[in-house]
């Protein structure tokens, strides 16, 4: 049996981490995302449109990578409405 890094949520759609590998992925995502926000303060010499576009693109790529990792290492996703008995 495959050990999942992420389990499916009981209500709604998505995952949550259940192993140290899953938590490491979440912490890494948060560090990279906070670094992306912090970089906005450092980009003083460029136009606002360029900074906004780079921020949105990098955030989209980070979220896409997180969802892909959750999909590959987690339970099958789908809408759930509690425990079925």
N, C-alpha and C. Protein backbone atom coordinates (compact mmCIF):
# COMPACT_ATOMS: atom_id res chain seq x y z
N UNK A 1 0.84 -1.19 0.00
CA UNK A 1 0.00 0.00 0.00
C UNK A 1 0.88 1.25 0.00
N UNK A 2 0.52 2.19 -0.83
CA UNK A 2 1.26 3.43 -0.94
C UNK A 2 0.95 4.33 0.25
N UNK A 3 1.98 4.92 0.86
CA UNK A 3 1.76 5.84 1.96
C UNK A 3 1.60 7.24 1.38
N UNK A 4 0.47 7.84 1.67
CA UNK A 4 0.16 9.17 1.14
C UNK A 4 0.82 10.27 1.97
N UNK A 5 1.33 11.29 1.29
CA UNK A 5 1.85 12.47 1.97
C UNK A 5 0.70 13.39 2.35
N UNK A 6 -0.37 13.35 1.54
CA UNK A 6 -1.53 14.22 1.75
C UNK A 6 -2.80 13.38 1.73
N UNK A 7 -3.68 13.62 2.68
CA UNK A 7 -4.98 12.95 2.72
C UNK A 7 -6.03 13.90 2.17
N UNK A 8 -7.08 13.32 1.61
CA UNK A 8 -8.19 14.13 1.10
C UNK A 8 -8.97 14.71 2.28
N UNK A 9 -9.45 15.93 2.10
CA UNK A 9 -10.25 16.56 3.13
C UNK A 9 -11.58 15.82 3.30
N UNK A 10 -12.14 15.88 4.49
CA UNK A 10 -13.42 15.22 4.76
C UNK A 10 -14.57 15.98 4.12
N UNK A 11 -14.49 17.30 4.14
CA UNK A 11 -15.52 18.14 3.53
C UNK A 11 -14.89 19.02 2.46
N UNK A 12 -15.48 19.06 1.28
CA UNK A 12 -14.97 19.90 0.21
C UNK A 12 -13.96 19.17 -0.66
N UNK A 13 -13.10 19.94 -1.33
CA UNK A 13 -12.11 19.40 -2.27
C UNK A 13 -10.74 19.87 -1.83
N UNK A 14 -9.79 18.98 -1.77
CA UNK A 14 -8.42 19.36 -1.43
C UNK A 14 -7.76 18.34 -0.54
N UNK A 15 -6.59 18.72 -0.05
CA UNK A 15 -5.78 17.82 0.75
C UNK A 15 -5.24 18.55 1.97
N UNK A 16 -4.73 17.75 2.91
CA UNK A 16 -3.96 18.27 4.02
C UNK A 16 -2.80 17.31 4.29
N UNK A 17 -1.66 17.84 4.77
CA UNK A 17 -0.48 16.99 4.95
C UNK A 17 -0.63 16.05 6.14
N UNK A 18 -0.12 14.81 5.99
CA UNK A 18 -0.19 13.83 7.06
C UNK A 18 1.16 13.21 7.38
N UNK A 19 2.18 13.47 6.60
CA UNK A 19 3.52 12.94 6.87
C UNK A 19 4.51 14.10 6.92
N UNK A 20 5.72 13.80 7.36
CA UNK A 20 6.72 14.86 7.43
C UNK A 20 7.07 15.37 6.03
N UNK A 21 6.97 14.49 5.03
CA UNK A 21 7.26 14.92 3.66
C UNK A 21 6.21 15.94 3.19
N UNK A 22 4.95 15.68 3.52
CA UNK A 22 3.89 16.62 3.17
C UNK A 22 4.07 17.96 3.85
N UNK A 23 4.42 17.92 5.14
CA UNK A 23 4.65 19.17 5.87
C UNK A 23 5.86 19.91 5.31
N UNK A 24 6.88 19.18 4.89
CA UNK A 24 8.05 19.81 4.29
C UNK A 24 7.68 20.53 2.99
N UNK A 25 6.82 19.92 2.19
CA UNK A 25 6.35 20.55 0.95
C UNK A 25 5.60 21.85 1.28
N UNK A 26 4.72 21.80 2.30
CA UNK A 26 3.95 22.99 2.67
C UNK A 26 4.87 24.10 3.19
N UNK A 27 5.83 23.75 4.04
CA UNK A 27 6.77 24.75 4.56
C UNK A 27 7.61 25.34 3.43
N UNK A 28 8.07 24.50 2.51
CA UNK A 28 8.82 25.00 1.36
C UNK A 28 7.99 25.94 0.50
N UNK A 29 6.73 25.58 0.28
CA UNK A 29 5.84 26.45 -0.49
C UNK A 29 5.69 27.80 0.20
N UNK A 30 5.47 27.79 1.51
CA UNK A 30 5.29 29.04 2.25
C UNK A 30 6.54 29.91 2.22
N UNK A 31 7.71 29.28 2.37
CA UNK A 31 8.96 30.04 2.31
C UNK A 31 9.13 30.70 0.95
N UNK A 32 8.88 29.94 -0.12
CA UNK A 32 9.01 30.50 -1.47
C UNK A 32 7.98 31.59 -1.73
N UNK A 33 6.76 31.41 -1.23
CA UNK A 33 5.72 32.41 -1.44
C UNK A 33 6.01 33.69 -0.66
N UNK A 34 6.45 33.57 0.58
CA UNK A 34 6.82 34.75 1.36
C UNK A 34 8.01 35.45 0.72
N UNK A 35 8.96 34.68 0.21
CA UNK A 35 10.08 35.27 -0.51
C UNK A 35 9.62 36.03 -1.75
N UNK A 36 8.61 35.51 -2.42
CA UNK A 36 8.04 36.19 -3.59
C UNK A 36 7.41 37.52 -3.17
N UNK A 37 6.72 37.55 -2.06
CA UNK A 37 6.11 38.79 -1.56
C UNK A 37 7.20 39.76 -1.13
N UNK A 38 8.20 39.27 -0.41
CA UNK A 38 9.29 40.11 0.05
C UNK A 38 10.04 40.74 -1.12
N UNK A 39 10.16 40.00 -2.21
CA UNK A 39 10.84 40.51 -3.41
C UNK A 39 10.14 41.72 -3.99
N UNK A 40 8.82 41.83 -3.76
CA UNK A 40 8.08 43.00 -4.24
C UNK A 40 8.63 44.29 -3.64
N UNK A 41 9.01 44.24 -2.37
CA UNK A 41 9.57 45.43 -1.72
C UNK A 41 10.93 45.80 -2.27
N UNK A 42 11.68 44.83 -2.74
CA UNK A 42 13.03 45.08 -3.21
C UNK A 42 13.08 45.57 -4.65
N UNK A 43 11.99 45.40 -5.40
CA UNK A 43 11.98 45.76 -6.83
C UNK A 43 11.53 47.22 -6.97
N UNK A 44 12.40 48.13 -6.64
CA UNK A 44 12.05 49.55 -6.65
C UNK A 44 12.24 50.21 -8.02
N UNK A 45 13.14 49.70 -8.85
CA UNK A 45 13.49 50.37 -10.08
C UNK A 45 12.66 49.97 -11.30
N UNK A 46 11.67 49.11 -11.14
CA UNK A 46 10.90 48.66 -12.28
C UNK A 46 9.47 49.19 -12.20
N UNK A 47 8.73 49.02 -13.29
CA UNK A 47 7.35 49.53 -13.32
C UNK A 47 6.42 48.64 -12.51
N UNK A 48 5.33 49.21 -12.05
CA UNK A 48 4.37 48.46 -11.24
C UNK A 48 3.73 47.33 -12.03
N UNK A 49 3.49 47.54 -13.33
CA UNK A 49 2.87 46.50 -14.14
C UNK A 49 3.79 45.29 -14.26
N UNK A 50 5.08 45.54 -14.44
CA UNK A 50 6.04 44.44 -14.57
C UNK A 50 6.14 43.66 -13.25
N UNK A 51 6.19 44.38 -12.14
CA UNK A 51 6.26 43.72 -10.83
C UNK A 51 5.01 42.89 -10.59
N UNK A 52 3.84 43.45 -10.89
CA UNK A 52 2.58 42.73 -10.68
C UNK A 52 2.51 41.48 -11.55
N UNK A 53 2.90 41.60 -12.81
CA UNK A 53 2.87 40.45 -13.71
C UNK A 53 3.81 39.34 -13.23
N UNK A 54 5.03 39.72 -12.83
CA UNK A 54 5.97 38.73 -12.32
C UNK A 54 5.44 38.06 -11.06
N UNK A 55 4.87 38.86 -10.16
CA UNK A 55 4.34 38.31 -8.91
C UNK A 55 3.21 37.32 -9.18
N UNK A 56 2.27 37.70 -10.04
CA UNK A 56 1.14 36.83 -10.35
C UNK A 56 1.62 35.55 -11.03
N UNK A 57 2.54 35.67 -11.97
CA UNK A 57 3.05 34.50 -12.68
C UNK A 57 3.79 33.56 -11.73
N UNK A 58 4.66 34.09 -10.89
CA UNK A 58 5.40 33.24 -9.97
C UNK A 58 4.48 32.60 -8.93
N UNK A 59 3.49 33.34 -8.45
CA UNK A 59 2.53 32.77 -7.50
C UNK A 59 1.72 31.67 -8.16
N UNK A 60 1.30 31.87 -9.40
CA UNK A 60 0.57 30.84 -10.15
C UNK A 60 1.42 29.58 -10.31
N UNK A 61 2.69 29.75 -10.64
CA UNK A 61 3.58 28.60 -10.80
C UNK A 61 3.79 27.85 -9.47
N UNK A 62 3.94 28.59 -8.38
CA UNK A 62 4.09 27.95 -7.07
C UNK A 62 2.85 27.16 -6.70
N UNK A 63 1.67 27.75 -6.90
CA UNK A 63 0.43 27.05 -6.57
C UNK A 63 0.24 25.84 -7.47
N UNK A 64 0.56 25.99 -8.75
CA UNK A 64 0.45 24.86 -9.68
C UNK A 64 1.36 23.71 -9.26
N UNK A 65 2.58 24.04 -8.85
CA UNK A 65 3.51 23.00 -8.39
C UNK A 65 2.99 22.33 -7.12
N UNK A 66 2.44 23.11 -6.20
CA UNK A 66 1.89 22.53 -4.97
C UNK A 66 0.73 21.60 -5.26
N UNK A 67 -0.19 22.01 -6.12
CA UNK A 67 -1.32 21.16 -6.47
C UNK A 67 -0.85 19.89 -7.17
N UNK A 68 0.13 20.00 -8.06
CA UNK A 68 0.66 18.83 -8.76
C UNK A 68 1.29 17.84 -7.77
N UNK A 69 2.08 18.36 -6.83
CA UNK A 69 2.70 17.48 -5.82
C UNK A 69 1.63 16.81 -4.97
N UNK A 70 0.62 17.58 -4.55
CA UNK A 70 -0.47 17.00 -3.76
C UNK A 70 -1.21 15.92 -4.56
N UNK A 71 -1.43 16.17 -5.83
CA UNK A 71 -2.13 15.21 -6.68
C UNK A 71 -1.33 13.91 -6.83
N UNK A 72 -0.01 14.04 -7.02
CA UNK A 72 0.83 12.88 -7.24
C UNK A 72 1.09 12.08 -5.97
N UNK A 73 1.13 12.74 -4.81
CA UNK A 73 1.49 12.05 -3.57
C UNK A 73 0.34 11.93 -2.59
N UNK A 74 -0.86 12.32 -3.01
CA UNK A 74 -2.00 12.28 -2.11
C UNK A 74 -3.11 11.36 -2.60
N UNK A 75 -4.16 11.28 -1.79
CA UNK A 75 -5.32 10.49 -2.17
C UNK A 75 -6.01 11.11 -3.38
N UNK A 76 -6.85 10.33 -4.02
CA UNK A 76 -7.57 10.81 -5.18
C UNK A 76 -8.46 11.99 -4.78
N UNK A 77 -8.38 13.12 -5.50
CA UNK A 77 -9.20 14.27 -5.13
C UNK A 77 -10.65 14.10 -5.57
N UNK A 78 -11.49 14.84 -4.96
CA UNK A 78 -12.91 14.85 -5.31
C UNK A 78 -13.70 15.52 -4.23
N UNK A 79 -14.93 15.93 -4.55
CA UNK A 79 -15.79 16.56 -3.56
C UNK A 79 -16.23 15.52 -2.55
N UNK A 80 -16.10 15.87 -1.28
CA UNK A 80 -16.54 14.98 -0.21
C UNK A 80 -17.45 15.76 0.72
N UNK A 81 -18.44 15.06 1.25
CA UNK A 81 -19.41 15.71 2.14
C UNK A 81 -19.51 14.96 3.45
N UNK A 82 -18.35 14.65 4.06
CA UNK A 82 -18.32 13.97 5.34
C UNK A 82 -18.07 12.49 5.18
N UNK A 83 -18.05 11.81 6.32
CA UNK A 83 -17.81 10.37 6.32
C UNK A 83 -19.09 9.64 5.95
N UNK A 84 -19.00 8.76 4.96
CA UNK A 84 -20.15 7.96 4.57
C UNK A 84 -20.13 6.67 5.37
N UNK A 85 -21.25 6.35 5.98
CA UNK A 85 -21.33 5.13 6.81
C UNK A 85 -22.10 4.05 6.13
